[in-house]
Protein backbone atom coordinates (compact mmCIF):
# COMPACT_ATOMS: atom_id res chain seq x y z
CA MET A 1 127.06 125.76 161.09
CA THR A 2 128.86 124.65 164.02
CA SER A 3 131.57 122.27 163.67
CA GLY A 4 131.32 118.63 163.47
CA GLN A 5 133.02 115.31 162.67
CA ARG A 6 132.76 114.08 159.22
CA SER A 7 130.85 110.83 159.08
CA GLY A 8 131.92 107.54 157.54
CA SER A 9 130.08 108.39 154.25
CA SER A 10 131.17 110.30 151.40
CA ILE A 11 128.70 112.79 151.49
CA PRO A 12 129.85 115.80 153.50
CA LEU A 13 127.78 117.39 156.39
CA LEU A 14 126.01 120.93 155.39
CA GLY A 15 124.40 123.62 156.96
CA VAL A 16 122.39 126.80 156.29
CA GLU A 17 121.82 130.31 157.66
CA GLU A 18 118.65 132.22 156.67
CA GLU A 19 118.19 136.15 157.16
CA PHE A 20 114.81 137.63 157.45
CA LEU A 21 113.34 141.24 157.50
CA VAL A 22 111.28 142.29 160.48
CA VAL A 23 107.92 144.10 159.57
CA ASP A 24 105.04 145.54 161.47
CA ALA A 25 102.24 143.11 161.45
CA ASP A 26 99.46 145.70 160.16
CA ARG A 27 101.37 148.13 158.20
CA GLY A 28 103.77 145.30 156.60
CA GLU A 29 106.66 148.17 156.83
CA VAL A 30 110.18 147.09 158.13
CA VAL A 31 110.75 147.93 161.29
CA PRO A 32 114.15 147.92 163.77
CA GLU A 33 112.50 145.38 166.15
CA ALA A 34 115.31 142.38 165.32
CA ALA A 35 116.38 142.31 169.08
CA THR A 36 112.76 141.54 170.22
CA VAL A 37 112.52 139.06 167.63
CA VAL A 38 115.96 137.42 168.82
CA ASP A 39 115.15 137.51 172.64
CA GLY A 40 111.62 135.96 171.79
CA ALA A 41 112.98 133.18 170.00
CA ARG A 42 116.35 132.52 171.65
CA PRO A 43 114.55 129.97 174.37
CA THR A 44 113.63 127.80 171.51
CA LEU A 45 116.32 128.07 169.38
CA GLY A 46 119.23 128.97 171.55
CA PRO A 47 122.70 130.07 169.79
CA ARG A 48 120.68 129.42 166.42
CA VAL A 49 119.15 132.68 166.28
CA GLY A 50 121.02 136.09 166.20
CA GLY A 51 120.94 139.51 164.97
CA GLU A 52 122.28 140.93 161.62
CA ILE A 53 124.41 144.15 160.52
CA THR A 54 121.00 146.03 160.80
CA LYS A 55 118.30 146.19 163.27
CA LEU A 56 115.54 145.13 160.78
CA GLN A 57 117.09 141.55 160.03
CA VAL A 58 117.27 138.48 162.02
CA GLU A 59 119.11 135.25 161.25
CA THR A 60 118.29 131.63 161.90
CA ARG A 61 121.18 128.77 161.64
CA THR A 62 121.12 124.71 161.50
CA ASP A 63 123.43 122.40 163.15
CA PRO A 64 125.30 120.57 160.77
CA CYS A 65 123.17 117.87 158.94
CA LEU A 66 124.02 114.53 157.01
CA SER A 67 120.25 114.26 155.93
CA VAL A 68 118.70 116.91 154.16
CA ASP A 69 115.27 115.87 155.95
CA ASP A 70 117.07 116.96 158.96
CA LEU A 71 118.22 119.89 157.59
CA SER A 72 114.81 120.70 156.19
CA ALA A 73 113.16 120.32 159.78
CA GLN A 74 115.65 122.67 161.23
CA LEU A 75 115.03 125.24 158.81
CA ALA A 76 111.22 124.93 159.28
CA ASP A 77 111.59 124.90 163.02
CA GLY A 78 113.89 128.06 162.85
CA ARG A 79 111.18 129.94 160.71
CA ALA A 80 108.40 128.94 163.14
CA ALA A 81 110.40 130.07 166.28
CA VAL A 82 111.18 133.56 164.75
CA GLN A 83 107.72 134.17 163.19
CA GLY A 84 106.11 132.95 166.77
CA ALA A 85 108.37 135.54 168.56
CA ALA A 86 107.38 138.13 166.32
CA ARG A 87 103.78 137.36 166.66
CA SER A 88 103.90 137.77 170.11
CA ALA A 89 105.28 141.35 169.79
CA GLY A 90 102.77 142.55 167.14
CA LEU A 91 105.53 141.74 164.42
CA ARG A 92 106.13 139.47 161.56
CA VAL A 93 109.20 138.50 159.65
CA ILE A 94 109.20 137.82 156.07
CA ALA A 95 111.31 135.65 153.93
CA SER A 96 112.26 138.49 151.20
CA GLY A 97 115.89 139.38 149.89
CA SER A 98 114.69 143.15 149.73
CA PRO A 99 112.21 145.41 151.78
CA VAL A 100 108.82 145.59 150.25
CA LEU A 101 107.17 148.39 152.18
CA GLY A 102 108.88 150.97 154.67
CA CYS A 103 111.94 153.00 154.89
CA ALA A 104 114.99 150.76 154.81
CA VAL A 105 117.19 153.57 153.60
CA PRO A 106 119.56 154.16 155.48
CA PRO A 107 118.52 151.32 157.80
CA PRO A 108 119.41 151.22 161.65
CA ILE A 109 122.88 149.88 162.16
CA THR A 110 123.31 147.30 164.84
CA GLU A 111 125.68 148.93 167.54
CA GLY A 112 129.32 147.82 168.18
CA PRO A 113 132.87 148.66 167.63
CA ARG A 114 132.82 146.33 164.39
CA GLN A 115 130.00 147.77 162.95
CA ASP A 116 131.29 151.36 163.49
CA ARG A 117 134.49 150.35 161.59
CA GLY A 118 132.08 149.11 158.91
CA THR A 119 130.62 152.31 158.41
CA ALA A 120 133.77 154.51 158.39
CA THR A 121 135.17 151.85 155.96
CA PHE A 122 131.95 151.56 153.68
CA ARG A 123 130.18 154.47 154.30
CA GLY A 124 127.21 154.95 151.80
CA LEU A 125 127.13 151.29 150.93
CA HIS A 126 125.57 150.70 154.12
CA ASP A 127 122.78 152.70 153.13
CA GLU A 128 121.01 149.69 151.19
CA VAL A 129 122.38 146.70 153.33
CA ALA A 130 118.95 145.46 154.68
CA ILE A 131 119.00 142.79 152.14
CA CYS A 132 118.59 139.17 153.09
CA ALA A 133 120.30 135.66 151.58
CA VAL A 134 120.93 132.33 152.63
CA HIS A 135 123.89 130.64 153.05
CA VAL A 136 124.84 127.26 152.49
CA HIS A 137 127.65 125.62 154.26
CA VAL A 138 129.14 122.33 152.64
CA GLN A 139 132.02 120.40 155.09
CA GLU A 140 135.40 120.25 153.32
CA PRO A 141 138.05 120.44 155.85
CA ASP A 142 140.84 120.34 153.13
CA ARG A 143 141.33 124.10 152.32
CA ASP A 144 143.55 123.69 149.37
CA ARG A 145 141.07 121.10 147.94
CA ALA A 146 138.25 123.80 148.96
CA VAL A 147 139.76 126.50 147.09
CA LEU A 148 139.95 124.34 143.95
CA ILE A 149 136.36 122.82 144.57
CA GLY A 150 135.23 126.74 144.48
CA ASN A 151 136.91 127.14 141.35
CA HIS A 152 134.35 124.75 139.66
CA LEU A 153 131.58 126.23 141.50
CA ARG A 154 132.07 130.23 140.29
CA GLN A 155 130.32 128.90 137.16
CA HIS A 156 127.08 127.99 138.73
CA LEU A 157 126.85 131.16 140.87
CA PRO A 158 124.54 133.19 138.38
CA VAL A 159 122.46 130.11 137.84
CA PHE A 160 121.88 130.02 141.96
CA VAL A 161 120.88 133.67 141.73
CA ALA A 162 118.18 132.89 139.08
CA LEU A 163 116.97 129.92 140.90
CA THR A 164 116.54 131.73 143.98
CA ALA A 165 115.55 135.42 142.87
CA ASN A 166 113.25 136.97 145.31
CA SER A 167 113.63 140.44 145.70
CA PRO A 168 111.72 142.43 142.97
CA TYR A 169 110.61 145.53 145.27
CA TRP A 170 112.84 148.18 146.76
CA SER A 171 111.51 151.46 148.33
CA GLU A 172 108.04 150.46 147.74
CA ARG A 173 108.44 150.34 144.01
CA ASP A 174 109.17 147.58 141.40
CA THR A 175 112.73 147.91 140.18
CA GLY A 176 112.08 145.72 137.26
CA TYR A 177 114.84 142.96 138.41
CA SER A 178 114.10 139.89 139.92
CA SER A 179 117.05 139.83 142.47
CA TRP A 180 117.50 143.53 143.36
CA ARG A 181 119.48 142.24 146.22
CA THR A 182 122.15 140.96 143.69
CA VAL A 183 122.27 144.43 142.16
CA THR A 184 122.96 146.47 145.49
CA TRP A 185 125.42 143.83 146.81
CA GLY A 186 127.52 144.00 143.99
CA ARG A 187 128.40 147.39 144.58
CA TRP A 188 130.50 146.33 147.31
CA PRO A 189 134.59 145.92 146.91
CA VAL A 190 134.58 142.46 147.87
CA ALA A 191 131.49 141.03 146.33
CA GLY A 192 130.46 138.69 143.58
CA PRO A 193 132.36 135.82 142.65
CA PRO A 194 135.77 135.11 144.27
CA PRO A 195 138.95 135.11 141.71
CA PHE A 196 140.48 132.16 140.45
CA LEU A 197 143.01 130.81 143.03
CA ARG A 198 145.07 127.68 143.02
CA SER A 199 145.70 127.28 146.61
CA ALA A 200 144.92 128.28 150.21
CA ARG A 201 148.00 129.97 150.71
CA GLU A 202 146.99 132.04 147.50
CA TYR A 203 143.52 132.55 148.96
CA ASP A 204 145.00 133.81 152.29
CA ASP A 205 147.37 136.07 150.46
CA HIS A 206 144.62 137.65 148.66
CA VAL A 207 142.79 138.23 151.26
CA ASP A 208 145.67 139.99 153.12
CA MET A 209 146.10 142.16 150.05
CA LEU A 210 142.17 143.05 150.30
CA LEU A 211 142.97 143.95 154.01
CA ASP A 212 146.23 145.87 153.51
CA ALA A 213 144.22 148.06 150.62
CA GLY A 214 141.61 148.98 153.31
CA ALA A 215 138.82 146.78 151.37
CA LEU A 216 138.13 145.06 154.67
CA VAL A 217 137.30 145.31 158.24
CA ASP A 218 138.44 142.10 159.06
CA HIS A 219 138.29 138.37 157.70
CA GLY A 220 134.70 138.35 158.31
CA THR A 221 133.93 140.98 155.85
CA ILE A 222 135.18 138.87 152.79
CA PHE A 223 131.68 139.03 151.07
CA TRP A 224 132.38 136.84 148.16
CA ASP A 225 129.60 134.90 147.01
CA LEU A 226 131.50 131.72 147.68
CA ARG A 227 134.24 131.64 150.37
CA LEU A 228 136.16 129.52 152.79
CA SER A 229 134.57 130.01 156.31
CA ARG A 230 136.85 131.52 158.89
CA ALA A 231 134.88 129.73 161.63
CA HIS A 232 134.01 126.22 160.29
CA PRO A 233 135.87 123.71 158.01
CA THR A 234 133.39 124.56 155.28
CA ILE A 235 132.83 126.22 151.88
CA GLU A 236 130.27 128.47 151.98
CA VAL A 237 127.90 129.54 149.19
CA ARG A 238 126.39 132.82 149.75
CA VAL A 239 125.12 133.93 146.34
CA ALA A 240 121.37 133.49 146.74
CA ASP A 241 118.25 135.30 147.84
CA VAL A 242 116.66 133.78 150.65
CA PRO A 243 114.00 131.63 149.47
CA VAL A 244 110.47 132.23 150.28
CA THR A 245 109.91 128.65 151.63
CA ALA A 246 111.86 126.46 153.95
CA VAL A 247 111.39 123.56 151.48
CA GLU A 248 113.35 125.60 148.62
CA SER A 249 116.05 126.46 151.05
CA ALA A 250 116.52 122.82 151.91
CA ALA A 251 116.51 121.90 148.07
CA LEU A 252 119.28 124.65 147.06
CA ALA A 253 121.34 123.38 149.91
CA ALA A 254 120.78 119.68 148.65
CA LEU A 255 121.87 121.18 145.08
CA VAL A 256 125.10 122.82 146.32
CA ARG A 257 126.23 119.98 148.03
CA ALA A 258 125.81 117.75 145.29
CA LEU A 259 127.77 120.19 143.30
CA VAL A 260 130.59 120.25 145.72
CA VAL A 261 130.83 116.42 145.59
CA ILE A 262 131.07 116.65 141.64
CA ALA A 263 133.64 119.37 142.04
CA GLY A 264 135.46 117.54 144.23
CA GLU A 265 135.70 114.47 142.35
CA ALA A 266 137.06 116.49 139.25
CA VAL A 267 139.56 118.10 141.70
CA ASP A 268 141.04 114.93 142.75
CA ARG A 269 141.50 113.96 138.86
CA GLY A 270 143.76 116.83 138.57
CA ASP A 271 141.26 119.34 137.36
CA GLU A 272 141.52 122.80 138.98
CA GLY A 273 138.60 124.21 137.34
CA PRO A 274 137.79 126.79 134.41
CA GLU A 275 139.20 130.23 134.21
CA LEU A 276 136.20 132.07 133.31
CA ALA A 277 136.16 135.40 131.58
CA PRO A 278 135.37 138.22 134.18
CA GLU A 279 133.25 140.12 131.62
CA LEU A 280 130.93 136.92 131.09
CA MET A 281 130.55 136.51 134.85
CA ARG A 282 129.17 140.17 135.24
CA LEU A 283 127.15 139.85 132.18
CA ALA A 284 125.59 136.59 133.67
CA TYR A 285 125.23 137.81 137.13
CA TRP A 286 123.54 140.75 135.63
CA ARG A 287 121.27 138.89 133.34
CA ALA A 288 120.23 136.41 136.02
CA ALA A 289 119.27 139.15 138.44
CA ARG A 290 117.22 141.04 136.10
CA ASP A 291 115.36 137.89 134.53
CA GLY A 292 115.16 135.23 137.25
CA MET A 293 113.91 132.11 135.96
CA GLY A 294 111.31 134.00 133.97
CA GLY A 295 113.80 134.70 131.13
CA HIS A 296 117.30 134.07 129.78
CA GLY A 297 120.57 133.59 131.10
CA VAL A 298 124.27 133.33 130.06
CA ASP A 299 126.11 130.51 129.55
CA VAL A 300 129.49 131.58 131.02
CA GLY A 301 131.56 129.11 129.20
CA THR A 302 130.29 130.43 125.78
CA GLY A 303 128.66 133.33 126.13
CA ARG A 304 125.42 132.20 124.46
CA LEU A 305 122.09 133.52 125.82
CA LEU A 306 119.90 130.70 126.92
CA PRO A 307 116.58 130.17 128.59
CA ALA A 308 117.10 130.61 132.26
CA ALA A 309 115.04 126.81 132.52
CA VAL A 310 117.65 125.34 130.15
CA LEU A 311 120.45 126.49 132.67
CA ALA A 312 119.01 125.49 135.73
CA ASP A 313 118.12 121.73 134.28
CA ARG A 314 121.75 121.40 133.09
CA LEU A 315 123.02 122.13 136.50
CA VAL A 316 120.49 119.50 138.37
CA GLU A 317 121.69 117.19 135.63
CA ARG A 318 125.54 117.92 136.35
CA ALA A 319 124.66 117.22 140.08
CA GLY A 320 122.56 114.14 139.33
CA PRO A 321 124.94 111.38 140.18
CA ALA A 322 125.87 112.84 143.69
CA LEU A 323 122.49 113.93 144.13
CA ASP A 324 121.57 110.07 143.95
CA GLU A 325 123.83 109.10 146.23
CA ALA A 326 122.78 111.29 148.90
CA GLY A 327 118.96 110.39 147.96
CA ASP A 328 117.94 114.15 147.16
CA ARG A 329 117.14 113.88 143.50
CA GLU A 330 113.69 113.89 143.95
CA ARG A 331 113.86 116.86 146.18
CA VAL A 332 115.59 119.05 143.82
CA GLN A 333 113.55 118.10 140.77
CA ALA A 334 110.56 118.79 142.80
CA TRP A 335 111.76 122.02 143.28
CA ARG A 336 112.26 122.74 139.90
CA ARG A 337 108.63 121.58 138.85
CA GLY A 338 107.53 124.05 141.25
CA LEU A 339 109.55 126.95 139.86
CA THR A 340 108.05 125.90 136.39
CA ALA A 341 104.66 125.81 137.81
CA ASP A 342 104.60 129.08 140.26
CA GLY A 343 107.62 130.57 139.10
CA ASP A 344 110.74 132.07 141.18
CA GLY A 345 110.06 134.19 144.54
CA ALA A 346 110.20 137.64 142.41
CA THR A 347 107.31 136.29 140.31
CA ARG A 348 105.11 135.12 143.31
CA GLN A 349 105.91 138.33 144.82
CA ARG A 350 104.44 140.45 141.74
CA ALA A 351 101.56 138.01 141.29
CA ALA A 352 100.49 138.84 145.03
CA ALA A 353 100.52 142.49 144.23
CA ALA A 354 98.61 142.09 140.99
CA ARG A 355 95.75 140.64 142.44
CA ARG A 356 94.64 144.03 144.05
CA GLY A 357 97.45 145.93 143.41
CA ARG A 358 98.56 146.35 147.04
CA LEU A 359 102.08 145.82 148.47
CA THR A 360 100.66 144.92 151.68
CA ASP A 361 99.38 142.10 149.89
CA VAL A 362 102.83 141.12 149.17
CA VAL A 363 103.85 141.33 152.76
CA ASP A 364 100.90 139.16 153.86
CA GLU A 365 101.68 136.22 151.32
CA ILE A 366 105.37 136.55 152.09
CA ALA A 367 104.65 135.89 155.68
CA ALA A 368 102.53 133.27 155.60
CA TRP A 369 105.22 131.34 153.00
CA THR A 370 107.85 132.07 155.38
CA ALA A 371 106.48 129.71 158.20
CA PRO A 372 103.40 127.93 157.06
CA GLY A 373 100.95 127.19 159.86
CA VAL A 374 102.17 130.13 162.18
CA PRO A 375 99.72 132.78 162.51
CA THR A 376 101.42 135.96 161.42
CA ARG A 377 98.91 138.27 163.51
CA ARG A 378 98.36 138.65 167.21
CA GLU A 379 94.74 137.98 168.36
CA SER A 380 93.29 141.37 169.68
CA THR A 381 92.41 141.33 173.12
CA PRO A 382 88.79 141.34 173.67
CA ALA A 383 87.32 144.76 174.96
């Protein structure tokens, strides 16, 4: 998300980054052809497309948007552009949090001095870094206020994991988890929820401590699931698997923004947010990653086990006033209804596999869902 001026509205601007895997059009296996896709999509998307840490991934970005309709259109356009570029090269892109087919361990890392420093620092952790997330940026130029808003948002992070769970497969096997990406990402020294902090100064001091300890390559490797952006005046929520469809990414962004607004109102009343038990947060993350929306989750305030659907509905209700102000309630509620009817992304991936017992069918369906209306196979040349 590039910088933009806050409008006169009380509704903040927002932007989204989505990551995708590049796969062979016929075999469905991940392939190190991200640069080919980026080069093919750049004439259409310009700076809104780029590479990622591995050569298996591409990323698209939106401009700052006030309207979620505009955001959704940019997300769809980005997906169509990278899918079209991939198709022209005999490739496809898929919106999956983890690879379904092919060898992704270790993945080919994009070359560069920063990446080399990362490999020297994180070593074997890079072996399982071919995973795809969606990052939601919500404008908040006051860094002290942003830190306190983050304290309020931390309690919602496990529910976001369940809502977007879309990575059940790894190394051509079913992991038994709905979001295996969440599990693999949790191994990193600076991952998961940020600590409870009371000011931007405290946030910066904590980051400096992590740098001094050698847990970071630079400020850009603060991989917390919720952080202050270094490049933009935003709060960045980066906990979620990339959703199967652009419609779902847009709905997630609308929900995140609404919760930021609600949290900001609490901060303005003097509420610094709840100090959560770390063991309950860890438990809630694990349960959300395992069950997704199809099972139960942990209420991080009480430790009680509740249906994931109940926790999700509570979240939507909490965000209700801000969703109404932005005109986004129906969009988010439609997303929730779809999750009830069709299941989360992991459920849909497994359903695709179950029809004929073929993981290639999973890749085929994800590719079709990723950019509806864009053919995902290049036409053969007549003999």
